[in-house]
Protein backbone atom coordinates (compact mmCIF):
# COMPACT_ATOMS: atom_id res chain seq x y z
CA MET A 1 289.58 -135.33 308.81
CA TYR A 2 290.91 -137.64 311.26
CA GLN A 3 288.80 -135.77 313.73
CA ASN A 4 285.86 -136.37 312.33
CA LEU A 5 286.56 -140.00 311.63
CA ALA A 6 287.38 -140.86 315.05
CA ILE A 7 283.98 -139.37 316.02
CA ILE A 8 281.96 -140.83 313.98
CA ALA A 9 283.75 -144.41 314.22
CA LEU A 10 283.41 -144.22 318.25
CA PHE A 11 280.04 -143.59 318.16
CA ALA A 12 279.30 -146.14 315.62
CA PHE A 13 280.71 -148.73 317.88
CA ALA A 14 279.18 -147.55 321.04
CA TYR A 15 275.66 -147.51 318.96
CA SER A 16 276.16 -151.19 317.80
CA LEU A 17 276.56 -152.36 321.56
CA VAL A 18 272.86 -151.17 322.14
CA ALA A 19 271.04 -151.08 318.65
CA GLU A 20 269.35 -154.56 318.67
CA ARG A 21 267.64 -153.14 322.48
CA LEU A 22 266.75 -149.91 320.90
CA GLY A 23 265.25 -151.41 317.33
CA ARG A 24 262.42 -152.45 319.65
CA THR A 25 261.66 -148.96 320.83
CA PRO A 26 260.43 -145.96 318.50
CA VAL A 27 263.92 -144.31 319.55
CA ASN A 28 266.33 -145.71 317.29
CA GLY A 29 268.41 -145.99 314.03
CA ALA A 30 267.78 -142.29 311.83
CA VAL A 31 266.45 -140.68 315.19
CA VAL A 32 269.57 -141.50 317.00
CA TYR A 33 272.28 -140.78 314.45
CA LEU A 34 270.57 -137.70 313.45
CA ALA A 35 270.70 -136.29 316.83
CA PHE A 36 274.12 -137.04 317.81
CA GLY A 37 275.24 -135.45 314.50
CA VAL A 38 273.33 -132.27 315.85
CA ILE A 39 275.04 -132.34 318.79
CA VAL A 40 278.64 -132.80 317.55
CA GLY A 41 278.14 -130.44 314.64
CA PRO A 42 279.10 -126.85 314.04
CA VAL A 43 276.05 -125.66 315.77
CA GLY A 44 276.42 -128.00 318.81
CA LEU A 45 279.79 -128.66 320.37
CA GLY A 46 281.57 -128.27 317.33
CA LEU A 47 283.66 -131.28 316.94
CA LEU A 48 282.70 -132.00 313.74
CA ASP A 49 283.88 -129.86 310.90
CA LEU A 50 281.64 -130.65 307.96
CA SER A 51 280.21 -128.49 304.95
CA ILE A 52 276.91 -129.50 302.71
CA GLY A 53 279.05 -128.62 299.90
CA SER A 54 281.60 -130.92 300.19
CA GLU A 55 281.94 -133.75 297.59
CA GLY A 56 282.99 -136.64 299.86
CA ILE A 57 279.45 -135.84 301.64
CA ARG A 58 277.91 -136.38 298.32
CA THR A 59 279.84 -139.63 297.31
CA ILE A 60 279.05 -141.37 300.96
CA ALA A 61 275.05 -140.49 300.50
CA GLU A 62 275.38 -141.66 297.12
CA LEU A 63 277.13 -145.16 297.71
CA THR A 64 274.83 -145.24 300.86
CA LEU A 65 271.64 -145.14 298.63
CA ALA A 66 273.14 -147.54 296.63
CA LEU A 67 274.01 -150.35 298.90
CA VAL A 68 270.79 -150.20 300.35
CA LEU A 69 268.85 -150.35 297.45
CA PHE A 70 270.85 -153.07 295.73
CA THR A 71 270.74 -155.26 299.08
CA ASP A 72 266.47 -154.44 299.98
CA ALA A 73 266.05 -155.61 296.36
CA SER A 74 267.93 -158.62 296.69
CA ASN A 75 265.75 -159.81 299.41
CA ALA A 76 262.56 -158.94 297.56
CA ASN A 77 260.07 -161.63 297.47
CA LEU A 78 259.63 -161.95 293.97
CA PRO A 79 256.82 -164.93 293.56
CA VAL A 80 254.38 -162.34 295.54
CA LEU A 81 255.81 -159.68 293.48
CA ARG A 82 254.71 -161.27 290.54
CA GLN A 83 251.34 -162.25 291.72
CA PHE A 84 250.92 -158.49 293.04
CA VAL A 85 252.54 -156.43 290.27
CA ARG A 86 249.66 -154.12 289.66
CA LEU A 87 250.00 -152.34 293.09
CA PRO A 88 253.80 -151.54 292.74
CA SER A 89 253.18 -150.49 289.10
CA ARG A 90 250.79 -148.39 289.89
CA LEU A 91 252.24 -146.71 292.65
CA LEU A 92 255.42 -146.08 290.24
CA LEU A 93 253.40 -145.28 287.12
CA ILE A 94 250.68 -143.30 288.37
CA GLY A 95 251.36 -142.25 291.96
CA LEU A 96 255.06 -140.93 291.42
CA PRO A 97 253.95 -138.45 288.47
CA LEU A 98 250.86 -137.16 290.72
CA THR A 99 253.12 -136.78 293.80
CA ILE A 100 255.54 -134.80 291.56
CA LEU A 101 252.89 -132.86 290.26
CA PHE A 102 250.82 -131.90 293.48
CA GLY A 103 253.87 -130.92 295.12
CA PHE A 104 254.53 -128.56 292.08
CA GLY A 105 251.24 -127.15 292.71
CA VAL A 106 251.22 -126.91 296.53
CA GLY A 107 254.95 -125.45 296.11
CA ARG A 108 253.85 -122.80 293.36
CA LEU A 109 251.10 -121.73 295.88
CA LEU A 110 253.37 -121.59 299.22
CA PHE A 111 256.83 -120.25 297.43
CA PRO A 112 255.49 -117.90 295.01
CA GLU A 113 259.33 -116.58 294.75
CA LEU A 114 260.78 -119.42 293.44
CA ALA A 115 261.57 -120.22 289.85
CA LEU A 116 258.80 -122.47 288.19
CA LEU A 117 261.72 -125.08 287.90
CA GLU A 118 262.92 -124.84 291.26
CA VAL A 119 259.53 -125.62 292.49
CA ALA A 120 259.69 -128.67 290.01
CA ILE A 121 263.00 -129.62 291.69
CA LEU A 122 261.78 -129.49 295.52
CA ALA A 123 258.76 -131.32 294.28
CA THR A 124 261.20 -134.01 292.61
CA MET A 125 263.26 -134.21 295.35
CA LEU A 126 260.58 -135.10 298.39
CA ALA A 127 258.86 -137.36 295.69
CA PRO A 128 260.71 -140.95 296.55
CA THR A 129 260.28 -142.85 299.78
CA ASP A 130 262.74 -144.37 301.99
CA ALA A 131 263.25 -148.12 301.81
CA ALA A 132 265.63 -147.93 304.67
CA LEU A 133 263.04 -145.85 306.88
CA GLY A 134 260.45 -147.80 305.72
CA LYS A 135 262.13 -151.34 306.64
CA ALA A 136 259.93 -151.43 310.07
CA VAL A 137 256.75 -151.21 307.82
CA VAL A 138 258.24 -153.82 304.76
CA THR A 139 259.27 -156.55 307.05
CA ASN A 140 256.67 -156.50 309.36
CA PRO A 141 255.09 -160.11 308.84
CA ALA A 142 251.84 -158.62 310.11
CA VAL A 143 251.39 -156.25 306.99
CA PRO A 144 249.90 -158.27 304.24
CA ASP A 145 252.12 -159.18 301.69
CA PRO A 146 250.48 -157.29 298.53
CA VAL A 147 251.02 -154.21 300.90
CA ARG A 148 254.44 -154.98 302.06
CA GLU A 149 256.11 -155.73 298.65
CA GLY A 150 254.24 -152.95 296.75
CA LEU A 151 255.81 -150.44 299.32
CA ASN A 152 259.22 -151.91 298.95
CA VAL A 153 259.51 -152.12 295.08
CA GLU A 154 257.80 -148.60 295.10
CA SER A 155 260.59 -147.52 297.24
CA GLY A 156 263.23 -149.37 295.78
CA LEU A 157 262.46 -147.78 292.33
CA ASN A 158 260.90 -144.69 292.86
CA ASP A 159 263.90 -142.85 294.12
CA GLY A 160 266.07 -144.30 291.15
CA ILE A 161 263.20 -143.17 288.77
CA CYS A 162 263.24 -139.26 289.87
CA VAL A 163 267.51 -139.23 289.36
CA PRO A 164 267.14 -138.36 285.44
CA ILE A 165 264.25 -136.38 286.12
CA LEU A 166 265.69 -134.23 288.63
CA PHE A 167 268.94 -133.79 286.75
CA THR A 168 266.82 -132.82 283.93
CA PHE A 169 264.93 -129.96 286.14
CA LEU A 170 268.54 -128.91 287.09
CA ALA A 171 269.88 -128.78 283.55
CA LEU A 172 267.10 -126.78 282.83
CA ALA A 173 267.43 -124.65 285.93
CA THR A 174 270.81 -123.97 285.35
CA GLN A 175 270.56 -123.51 281.96
CA SER A 176 273.14 -126.21 280.96
CA GLY A 177 270.92 -128.06 278.48
CA GLY A 178 270.62 -124.70 276.07
CA GLU A 179 268.39 -123.24 274.14
CA GLY A 180 267.31 -126.55 272.87
CA SER A 181 266.17 -128.23 275.59
CA THR A 182 262.69 -129.32 275.25
CA GLY A 183 260.06 -131.71 276.68
CA ALA A 184 261.34 -134.38 274.09
CA LEU A 185 264.85 -134.21 274.76
CA ALA A 186 264.08 -134.32 278.58
CA LEU A 187 261.76 -137.37 278.05
CA GLY A 188 264.62 -138.94 276.14
CA LEU A 189 267.21 -138.35 278.83
CA VAL A 190 265.03 -140.23 281.38
CA ALA A 191 264.33 -143.01 279.28
CA GLU A 192 268.33 -143.40 278.11
CA GLU A 193 269.13 -142.86 282.22
CA ILE A 194 266.95 -145.45 283.26
CA GLY A 195 267.52 -148.20 279.87
CA ILE A 196 271.16 -147.68 280.66
CA GLY A 197 270.79 -148.22 284.63
CA ALA A 198 268.41 -151.64 284.14
CA GLY A 199 270.90 -152.73 281.54
CA ILE A 200 274.13 -152.35 283.48
CA GLY A 201 272.61 -153.62 286.67
CA ILE A 202 270.99 -156.67 285.23
CA GLY A 203 274.11 -157.64 283.18
CA LEU A 204 276.52 -156.99 286.43
CA ALA A 205 273.91 -159.26 288.38
CA PHE A 206 273.83 -161.99 286.09
CA VAL A 207 277.74 -161.98 285.76
CA GLY A 208 278.40 -161.89 289.33
CA HIS A 209 275.80 -164.68 290.14
CA ARG A 210 277.26 -166.81 287.70
CA GLY A 211 281.02 -166.10 289.01
CA LEU A 212 279.39 -166.39 292.65
CA SER A 213 278.10 -169.88 291.91
CA ALA A 214 281.32 -171.26 290.12
CA ALA A 215 283.44 -170.28 293.25
CA VAL A 216 281.33 -171.45 295.88
CA GLY A 217 280.79 -174.99 293.60
CA SER A 218 284.61 -175.21 293.28
CA ARG A 219 285.19 -174.55 296.88
CA TRP A 220 287.30 -171.33 296.27
CA LEU A 221 284.94 -169.64 298.14
CA THR A 222 283.75 -170.82 301.17
CA PRO A 223 281.16 -169.03 304.21
CA GLY A 224 283.39 -166.67 305.86
CA PRO A 225 284.95 -162.86 305.78
CA TRP A 226 285.54 -163.30 301.85
CA ALA A 227 281.96 -164.32 301.24
CA ARG A 228 280.56 -160.76 302.46
CA ILE A 229 282.44 -158.95 299.79
CA PRO A 230 280.73 -159.89 296.32
CA VAL A 231 277.48 -157.98 297.09
CA ILE A 232 278.84 -155.03 298.11
CA ALA A 233 281.35 -154.87 295.42
CA LEU A 234 278.64 -155.42 293.38
CA ALA A 235 276.13 -152.88 294.74
CA PHE A 236 279.13 -149.91 294.04
CA GLY A 237 280.38 -151.66 290.88
CA SER A 238 276.54 -151.33 289.45
CA PHE A 239 276.44 -147.84 290.66
CA ALA A 240 279.40 -146.69 289.49
CA LEU A 241 279.40 -148.22 285.89
CA ALA A 242 275.90 -146.71 285.46
CA GLN A 243 276.99 -143.87 286.39
CA ALA A 244 280.16 -143.58 284.30
CA ALA A 245 278.13 -144.89 280.94
CA GLY A 246 275.62 -142.02 281.65
CA GLY A 247 272.80 -144.47 283.27
CA SER A 248 271.23 -144.14 286.55
CA GLY A 249 273.31 -145.72 289.31
CA PHE A 250 270.21 -145.99 291.36
CA ILE A 251 268.27 -147.91 288.76
CA ALA A 252 271.51 -149.99 288.07
CA CYS A 253 271.35 -151.12 291.87
CA PHE A 254 267.67 -152.00 292.22
CA THR A 255 267.54 -153.51 289.05
CA GLY A 256 270.46 -155.37 289.72
CA GLY A 257 269.46 -156.50 293.17
CA LEU A 258 266.37 -157.50 292.04
CA THR A 259 268.13 -159.83 289.38
CA PHE A 260 270.39 -161.07 291.94
CA GLY A 261 268.18 -162.02 294.43
CA ALA A 262 266.03 -164.31 291.76
CA LEU A 263 269.12 -165.95 290.65
CA THR A 264 270.21 -166.58 294.20
CA ARG A 265 268.23 -168.97 295.93
CA ARG A 266 271.06 -171.06 298.20
CA HIS A 267 272.68 -169.28 300.92
CA LYS A 268 270.85 -166.15 300.18
CA GLU A 269 270.82 -164.87 303.71
CA ALA A 270 274.09 -165.65 304.59
CA ILE A 271 275.87 -163.90 301.22
CA LEU A 272 273.77 -160.87 301.89
CA GLU A 273 274.74 -160.31 305.67
CA GLY A 274 277.79 -158.57 304.90
CA ALA A 275 276.39 -155.95 302.55
CA GLU A 276 273.44 -155.08 305.03
CA GLY A 277 276.12 -154.76 307.54
CA ALA A 278 277.43 -152.17 305.72
CA GLY A 279 274.67 -150.48 304.45
CA GLU A 280 273.90 -149.70 307.88
CA ALA A 281 277.09 -148.68 308.51
CA PHE A 282 277.19 -146.27 305.71
CA SER A 283 273.62 -144.76 306.78
CA LEU A 284 274.61 -143.96 309.96
CA VAL A 285 277.67 -141.86 308.85
CA THR A 286 275.07 -140.25 306.35
CA TRP A 287 272.69 -139.30 308.72
CA VAL A 288 275.16 -138.20 311.17
CA VAL A 289 276.89 -135.94 308.70
CA PHE A 290 272.98 -134.98 307.90
CA GLY A 291 272.61 -134.03 311.35
CA ALA A 292 276.06 -132.06 311.68
CA ALA A 293 276.37 -130.12 308.14
CA VAL A 294 272.63 -129.38 307.34
CA LEU A 295 270.01 -129.60 309.96
CA LEU A 296 270.39 -126.81 312.56
CA GLN A 297 272.48 -124.63 310.18
CA HIS A 298 269.38 -124.28 307.77
CA ALA A 299 266.54 -123.70 310.69
CA GLY A 300 267.04 -119.67 310.56
CA ASP A 301 265.46 -120.39 306.67
CA THR A 302 262.53 -122.04 308.63
CA ASP A 303 259.19 -120.41 308.28
CA TRP A 304 255.21 -121.50 308.66
CA ARG A 305 255.49 -121.82 304.89
CA VAL A 306 258.17 -124.54 304.82
CA VAL A 307 256.46 -126.17 307.89
CA LEU A 308 253.34 -126.57 306.45
CA TYR A 309 254.73 -127.81 303.05
CA ALA A 310 256.57 -130.37 304.84
CA VAL A 311 253.36 -131.66 306.58
CA LEU A 312 251.70 -131.66 303.53
CA SER A 313 254.15 -133.33 301.67
CA LEU A 314 253.87 -136.26 304.40
CA THR A 315 250.18 -136.62 304.08
CA VAL A 316 248.41 -134.63 301.11
CA ILE A 317 250.76 -134.84 298.40
CA ARG A 318 251.64 -138.39 298.73
CA MET A 319 248.13 -139.90 300.47
CA LEU A 320 246.30 -138.48 297.56
CA PRO A 321 247.68 -139.65 294.74
CA VAL A 322 248.31 -143.28 296.47
CA ALA A 323 244.68 -143.39 297.27
CA LEU A 324 243.94 -142.16 293.10
CA ALA A 325 247.01 -145.16 292.09
CA VAL A 326 245.11 -147.85 293.49
CA THR A 327 241.42 -147.39 293.01
CA GLY A 328 239.98 -150.51 291.12
CA LEU A 329 242.25 -152.83 292.74
CA ARG A 330 239.66 -153.37 295.69
CA ALA A 331 241.97 -152.26 298.45
CA SER A 332 240.51 -151.16 301.34
CA LEU A 333 240.37 -147.68 302.61
CA ASP A 334 242.76 -148.79 305.88
CA ALA A 335 245.07 -149.85 302.62
CA LYS A 336 244.77 -146.41 301.13
CA LEU A 337 245.69 -144.69 304.47
CA PHE A 338 248.28 -147.06 305.27
CA MET A 339 250.12 -146.94 302.23
CA GLY A 340 249.84 -143.30 301.72
CA TRP A 341 251.20 -142.70 304.84
CA PHE A 342 254.34 -144.85 305.07
CA GLY A 343 256.06 -143.33 302.15
CA PRO A 344 258.96 -142.03 304.62
CA ARG A 345 261.30 -139.49 303.19
CA GLY A 346 264.89 -140.22 303.81
CA LEU A 347 268.30 -140.92 301.80
CA ALA A 348 267.13 -140.33 298.76
CA SER A 349 265.98 -136.97 299.98
CA ILE A 350 269.32 -135.95 301.63
CA VAL A 351 271.31 -137.42 298.67
CA PHE A 352 269.28 -135.12 296.26
CA LEU A 353 269.63 -132.28 299.03
CA VAL A 354 273.70 -132.38 298.85
CA ILE A 355 273.46 -132.39 294.77
CA VAL A 356 271.08 -129.67 294.56
CA ALA A 357 273.08 -127.50 297.16
CA GLN A 358 276.22 -127.60 295.13
CA GLU A 359 274.39 -125.98 292.01
CA LYS A 360 274.18 -122.74 294.11
CA LEU A 361 270.24 -122.26 292.80
CA PRO A 362 268.92 -118.57 294.01
CA GLY A 363 266.12 -120.24 295.76
CA GLY A 364 268.74 -122.78 297.06
CA ASP A 365 268.04 -121.95 300.52
CA THR A 366 264.51 -122.01 300.78
CA ILE A 367 264.52 -125.63 298.99
CA ILE A 368 267.02 -127.28 301.61
CA ALA A 369 264.95 -125.61 304.41
CA VAL A 370 261.92 -127.64 303.07
CA THR A 371 263.80 -130.54 302.70
CA VAL A 372 265.26 -130.82 305.87
CA ALA A 373 261.94 -130.03 307.62
CA THR A 374 259.96 -132.76 305.55
CA VAL A 375 262.92 -135.11 306.06
CA VAL A 376 263.07 -134.43 309.94
CA LEU A 377 259.25 -134.52 310.80
CA SER A 378 259.07 -137.78 308.64
CA ILE A 379 261.77 -139.63 310.73
CA VAL A 380 259.92 -138.56 314.15
CA GLY A 381 256.38 -139.22 312.69
CA HIS A 382 257.25 -142.67 310.68
CA GLY A 383 259.90 -143.86 313.35
CA LEU A 384 256.73 -143.52 316.11
CA THR A 385 253.99 -144.94 314.29
CA ALA A 386 255.63 -147.77 312.14
CA ASN A 387 255.23 -150.54 314.42
CA PRO A 388 251.67 -149.61 316.11
CA LEU A 389 249.93 -148.93 313.05
CA ALA A 390 251.46 -151.97 310.92
CA ALA A 391 250.46 -154.61 314.10
CA ALA A 392 247.05 -152.45 313.85
CA PHE A 393 246.29 -152.60 310.44
CA GLY A 394 247.45 -156.12 309.83
CA ALA A 395 245.38 -157.28 312.44
CA ARG A 396 241.89 -155.35 310.77
CA GLU A 397 243.16 -156.90 307.34
CA LYS A 398 243.19 -160.39 308.79
CA ALA A 399 239.81 -160.02 310.52
CA GLU A 400 238.38 -158.66 307.39
CA GLY A 401 239.77 -161.40 305.35
CA GLY A 402 238.19 -163.81 307.75
CA ALA A 403 235.22 -162.33 307.77
CA ARG A 404 234.63 -162.53 303.82
């Protein structure tokens, strides 16, 4: 354990020295973390001794996603979101179900040996998009506000929504749901997890904001080391309490982050700074672990069907539902293609992969191989195209807007 910790800590230190410089190139963040994990993992130098079935890996992955969701939601531009709420609502209520449905259909054609529920699990695992991997797009001022906020809210909520759906499919696949498991029961579970998660997230955010405001107003809390702790504590507290209460911790983190961000107007950037830094550190650890414990160890399970599904997952399975979802919103073809392409897969899919791997499903190796291939292709493809395509799309939209 100490050797693993030392290697990851020293790598984090080294990367932090060059992070800003690398951030201006396509070779940064997840690409570097993943490559390092492969090099020092069991298939590489063998310096990191990790197993995908480890409960510790699952905990780290879940806490990483929880913290990223909370901070990203807190930074959301709510005035812009209220003005353009139809876009993210359509992406979530129409685009997300269609993505799962299309993914199921393609999976059924390519992997007939998988059980129906296993195909449904795979489609659900790869439906949510990654807020962290999409950061280069949703924070780029060249991209029009409606598109930026729409993609940001979609990536924040879709993984939380997929959690109860995934757990429902897993329960049915492992027969833990019993003979009485029905579609109505599954829908009830989804609604319950979302409702509990949202209620706890909003409630804790409100209480946390009031407490933080009182502490700052009475000068019990001033800018400094302790001012960086509350948001991290709120994010982890929201996640853990919601999970313990039978809700979705990820929904709690995103709704809590939105609430906290809306209520917090003064010194918002300073308050969130510590949590964002912690989120980057947790993300680094998660990606390194993914590279070391998963990537090459499952390379032998990759064949042409796995690669084809991964390519289709990042293109047709994502882009066609997005185009159908935004029909009627007067979105240009460029906007439809841009939003469809920038649905990167990352942390949420990794968290789901770790959870599913522990269930030992008959088709588990295939599910893991497809998820790994999709995430790796997404890291490379979206990483290389984020900045150039965002700049080109923003320029075209600006030119067309000026012409109109």
